[in-house]
Amino acid sequence: MLASLTTAAAVAHVGPWAAGWGWMFFLIPLFWILFFVLLFTFLGRRWRRAAWSGDGPPWARGGAEHTLAERFAQGDIDEQEYRARLEVLRANRPNA
């Protein structure tokens, strides 16, 4: 009876999990690597699409002169105010 129990216990510990995680150990890092690659790919595409369509952040839309030209085109300011503000912007532009 004792011999059959030890044999059953020995047989129970034979299999893919007998030595620990085995090849499954590599799935955890691969999962996280794949997760971050997909995340950065998705976010990078959204960022590039937003930048190309003009919906990007204000500093990527063309700057103060572009905003001033849009306000003039929409009729928010008249030509005299547009030219005065444009002159001020160009006079205060940092030298690159």
Protein backbone atom coordinates (compact mmCIF):
# COMPACT_ATOMS: atom_id res chain seq x y z
CA MET A 1 0.00 0.00 0.00
CA LEU A 2 2.81 2.40 0.89
CA ALA A 3 4.62 1.57 -2.32
CA SER A 4 1.56 2.42 -4.37
CA LEU A 5 1.15 5.82 -2.62
CA THR A 6 4.75 6.82 -3.24
CA THR A 7 4.45 5.71 -6.84
CA ALA A 8 1.25 7.74 -7.27
CA ALA A 9 2.92 10.78 -5.72
CA ALA A 10 5.92 10.38 -7.98
CA VAL A 11 3.70 10.10 -11.05
CA ALA A 12 1.70 13.16 -9.98
CA HIS A 13 4.86 15.30 -9.98
CA VAL A 14 5.86 14.36 -13.49
CA GLY A 15 4.63 16.62 -16.19
CA PRO A 16 5.12 20.12 -17.62
CA TRP A 17 4.84 21.81 -14.21
CA ALA A 18 7.13 19.43 -12.31
CA ALA A 19 10.22 21.63 -12.70
CA GLY A 20 8.50 24.94 -11.95
CA TRP A 21 7.27 27.43 -14.52
CA GLY A 22 9.31 25.98 -17.35
CA TRP A 23 8.72 27.70 -20.69
CA MET A 24 5.80 29.64 -19.19
CA PHE A 25 8.36 31.81 -17.39
CA PHE A 26 9.02 33.64 -20.67
CA LEU A 27 5.38 34.52 -21.31
CA ILE A 28 5.20 37.17 -18.60
CA PRO A 29 7.98 39.41 -20.03
CA LEU A 30 6.76 38.76 -23.57
CA PHE A 31 3.26 39.82 -22.58
CA TRP A 32 4.48 43.14 -21.14
CA ILE A 33 6.80 43.82 -24.07
CA LEU A 34 3.94 43.20 -26.49
CA PHE A 35 1.60 45.33 -24.37
CA PHE A 36 3.92 48.36 -24.39
CA VAL A 37 4.73 48.01 -28.10
CA LEU A 38 1.03 48.01 -28.93
CA LEU A 39 0.36 50.89 -26.54
CA PHE A 40 3.12 53.09 -27.99
CA THR A 41 2.11 52.18 -31.54
CA PHE A 42 -1.50 53.13 -30.89
CA LEU A 43 -0.64 56.38 -29.11
CA GLY A 44 1.99 57.29 -31.70
CA ARG A 45 -0.49 56.89 -34.54
CA ARG A 46 -3.08 58.99 -32.72
CA TRP A 47 -0.49 61.70 -32.08
CA ARG A 48 0.71 61.76 -35.69
CA ARG A 49 -2.85 61.75 -37.03
CA ALA A 50 -3.76 64.68 -34.77
CA ALA A 51 -0.67 66.61 -35.84
CA TRP A 52 -1.37 66.06 -39.54
CA SER A 53 -5.03 67.04 -39.31
CA GLY A 54 -4.31 70.29 -37.48
CA ASP A 55 -5.92 69.18 -34.22
CA GLY A 56 -2.62 68.98 -32.43
CA PRO A 57 -1.50 71.11 -29.51
CA PRO A 58 -1.48 74.91 -29.94
CA TRP A 59 2.33 75.07 -30.20
CA ALA A 60 2.18 72.74 -33.21
CA ARG A 61 -0.49 74.63 -35.16
CA GLY A 62 1.55 77.43 -36.66
CA GLY A 63 2.18 79.89 -33.86
CA ALA A 64 0.98 83.39 -33.09
CA GLU A 65 1.08 84.68 -36.67
CA HIS A 66 -1.16 81.85 -37.79
CA THR A 67 -3.62 82.57 -34.97
CA LEU A 68 -3.60 86.26 -35.83
CA ALA A 69 -4.24 85.49 -39.51
CA GLU A 70 -7.16 83.24 -38.53
CA ARG A 71 -8.70 85.99 -36.38
CA PHE A 72 -8.33 88.47 -39.26
CA ALA A 73 -9.91 86.01 -41.71
CA GLN A 74 -12.84 85.42 -39.36
CA GLY A 75 -13.42 89.16 -39.01
CA ASP A 76 -12.57 89.38 -35.31
CA ILE A 77 -10.06 92.18 -36.00
CA ASP A 78 -9.78 94.73 -38.79
CA GLU A 79 -6.84 95.21 -41.16
CA GLN A 80 -5.26 98.06 -39.21
CA GLU A 81 -5.24 96.06 -35.95
CA TYR A 82 -3.97 92.98 -37.83
CA ARG A 83 -1.03 94.84 -39.33
CA ALA A 84 -0.17 96.53 -36.01
CA ARG A 85 -0.19 93.25 -34.11
CA LEU A 86 1.72 91.46 -36.86
CA GLU A 87 4.40 94.15 -36.73
CA VAL A 88 4.70 93.74 -32.95
CA LEU A 89 4.96 89.95 -33.29
CA ARG A 90 7.67 90.17 -35.91
CA ALA A 91 9.61 92.81 -33.96
CA ASN A 92 9.60 90.67 -30.81
CA ARG A 93 10.45 87.40 -32.57
CA PRO A 94 13.47 85.70 -31.00
CA ASN A 95 16.43 85.40 -33.31
CA ALA A 96 16.97 81.75 -34.18
